[in-house]
C-alpha atoms as a PDB file:
ATOM      1  CA  UNK A   1    -234.149  35.598  82.922  1.00  0.00           C
ATOM      2  CA  UNK A   2    -232.282  35.675  85.851  1.00  0.00           C
ATOM      3  CA  UNK A   3    -235.313  34.845  88.493  1.00  0.00           C
ATOM      4  CA  UNK A   4    -237.190  32.428  86.016  1.00  0.00           C
ATOM      5  CA  UNK A   5    -239.308  31.085  89.054  1.00  0.00           C
ATOM      6  CA  UNK A   6    -240.520  34.303  89.987  1.00  0.00           C
ATOM      7  CA  UNK A   7    -242.355  35.340  86.455  1.00  0.00           C
ATOM      8  CA  UNK A   8    -245.521  34.402  87.715  1.00  0.00           C
ATOM      9  CA  UNK A   9    -245.243  37.237  90.717  1.00  0.00           C
ATOM     10  CA  UNK A  10    -244.277  39.899  88.128  1.00  0.00           C
ATOM     11  CA  UNK A  11    -247.717  41.715  88.247  1.00  0.00           C
ATOM     12  CA  UNK A  12    -247.430  41.180  92.107  1.00  0.00           C
ATOM     13  CA  UNK A  13    -244.288  43.179  92.013  1.00  0.00           C
ATOM     14  CA  UNK A  14    -244.806  45.659  89.500  1.00  0.00           C
ATOM     15  CA  UNK A  15    -247.914  46.774  91.812  1.00  0.00           C
ATOM     16  CA  UNK A  16    -245.553  46.811  94.825  1.00  0.00           C
ATOM     17  CA  UNK A  17    -243.070  48.952  92.679  1.00  0.00           C
ATOM     18  CA  UNK A  18    -246.445  51.070  91.711  1.00  0.00           C
ATOM     19  CA  UNK A  19    -247.323  51.625  95.373  1.00  0.00           C
ATOM     20  CA  UNK A  20    -243.979  52.338  96.894  1.00  0.00           C
ATOM     21  CA  UNK A  21    -243.391  55.144  94.118  1.00  0.00           C
ATOM     22  CA  UNK A  22    -246.732  56.583  94.971  1.00  0.00           C
ATOM     23  CA  UNK A  23    -245.825  57.048  98.846  1.00  0.00           C
ATOM     24  CA  UNK A  24    -242.385  58.298  97.791  1.00  0.00           C
ATOM     25  CA  UNK A  25    -243.855  60.889  95.603  1.00  0.00           C
ATOM     26  CA  UNK A  26    -246.341  62.077  98.097  1.00  0.00           C
ATOM     27  CA  UNK A  27    -243.744  61.944 100.835  1.00  0.00           C
ATOM     28  CA  UNK A  28    -241.675  64.095  99.047  1.00  0.00           C
ATOM     29  CA  UNK A  29    -244.625  66.325  98.019  1.00  0.00           C
ATOM     30  CA  UNK A  30    -245.880  66.639 101.810  1.00  0.00           C
ATOM     31  CA  UNK A  31    -242.982  68.189 103.320  1.00  0.00           C
ATOM     32  CA  UNK A  32    -243.973  71.968 103.639  1.00  0.00           C
ATOM     33  CA  UNK A  33    -247.376  71.333 102.536  1.00  0.00           C
ATOM     34  CA  UNK A  34    -249.189  69.677  99.783  1.00  0.00           C
ATOM     35  CA  UNK A  35    -250.008  71.520  96.124  1.00  0.00           C
ATOM     36  CA  UNK A  36    -250.430  70.268  92.871  1.00  0.00           C
ATOM     37  CA  UNK A  37    -247.447  71.727  91.934  1.00  0.00           C
ATOM     38  CA  UNK A  38    -245.254  70.041  94.494  1.00  0.00           C
ATOM     39  CA  UNK A  39    -246.962  66.942  93.773  1.00  0.00           C
ATOM     40  CA  UNK A  40    -246.005  67.345  89.708  1.00  0.00           C
ATOM     41  CA  UNK A  41    -242.385  68.103  90.674  1.00  0.00           C
ATOM     42  CA  UNK A  42    -242.022  65.039  93.321  1.00  0.00           C
ATOM     43  CA  UNK A  43    -243.333  62.722  90.492  1.00  0.00           C
ATOM     44  CA  UNK A  44    -240.751  64.296  87.881  1.00  0.00           C
ATOM     45  CA  UNK A  45    -237.903  63.366  90.423  1.00  0.00           C
ATOM     46  CA  UNK A  46    -239.107  60.056  91.472  1.00  0.00           C
ATOM     47  CA  UNK A  47    -239.782  59.084  87.778  1.00  0.00           C
ATOM     48  CA  UNK A  48    -236.465  60.562  86.899  1.00  0.00           C
ATOM     49  CA  UNK A  49    -234.683  58.365  89.305  1.00  0.00           C
ATOM     50  CA  UNK A  50    -236.184  55.103  88.678  1.00  0.00           C
ATOM     51  CA  UNK A  51    -235.851  55.723  85.405  1.00  0.00           C
ATOM     52  CA  UNK A  52    -232.223  55.797  85.692  1.00  0.00           C
ATOM     53  CA  UNK A  53    -231.940  52.993  87.656  1.00  0.00           C
ATOM     54  CA  UNK A  54    -233.646  50.823  84.978  1.00  0.00           C
ATOM     55  CA  UNK A  55    -231.277  52.227  82.388  1.00  0.00           C
ATOM     56  CA  UNK A  56    -228.405  51.442  84.645  1.00  0.00           C
ATOM     57  CA  UNK A  57    -229.733  47.577  85.293  1.00  0.00           C
ATOM     58  CA  UNK A  58    -230.439  47.293  81.174  1.00  0.00           C
ATOM     59  CA  UNK A  59    -226.494  48.380  80.917  1.00  0.00           C
ATOM     60  CA  UNK A  60    -225.259  45.977  83.261  1.00  0.00           C
ATOM     61  CA  UNK A  61    -227.092  43.246  81.428  1.00  0.00           C
ATOM     62  CA  UNK A  62    -224.640  41.582  79.025  1.00  0.00           C
ATOM     63  CA  UNK A  63    -227.614  39.569  77.605  1.00  0.00           C
ATOM     64  CA  UNK A  64    -228.980  41.982  74.565  1.00  0.00           C
ATOM     65  CA  UNK A  65    -231.652  39.535  73.881  1.00  0.00           C
ATOM     66  CA  UNK A  66    -232.807  39.642  77.736  1.00  0.00           C
ATOM     67  CA  UNK A  67    -233.267  43.270  77.368  1.00  0.00           C
ATOM     68  CA  UNK A  68    -235.052  43.695  74.229  1.00  0.00           C
ATOM     69  CA  UNK A  69    -237.491  40.821  75.831  1.00  0.00           C
ATOM     70  CA  UNK A  70    -237.952  42.881  78.483  1.00  0.00           C
ATOM     71  CA  UNK A  71    -238.402  45.656  76.616  1.00  0.00           C
ATOM     72  CA  UNK A  72    -240.686  44.518  73.927  1.00  0.00           C
END
């Protein structure tokens, strides 16, 4: 891994990322009033963007073994 010293903090980083995603979805959905449809659509948008960023990072990593260990 690139930051091997930060591996014990991975669950914390995941929780913070989930919180950021939640706040982003709620901020997008709150514009013009909240409704279940707006929340779902905002969630789909944020999920697509984060998924694209993750795929882009995987494509930039040169060590295929590292990518396979992250996915597994």
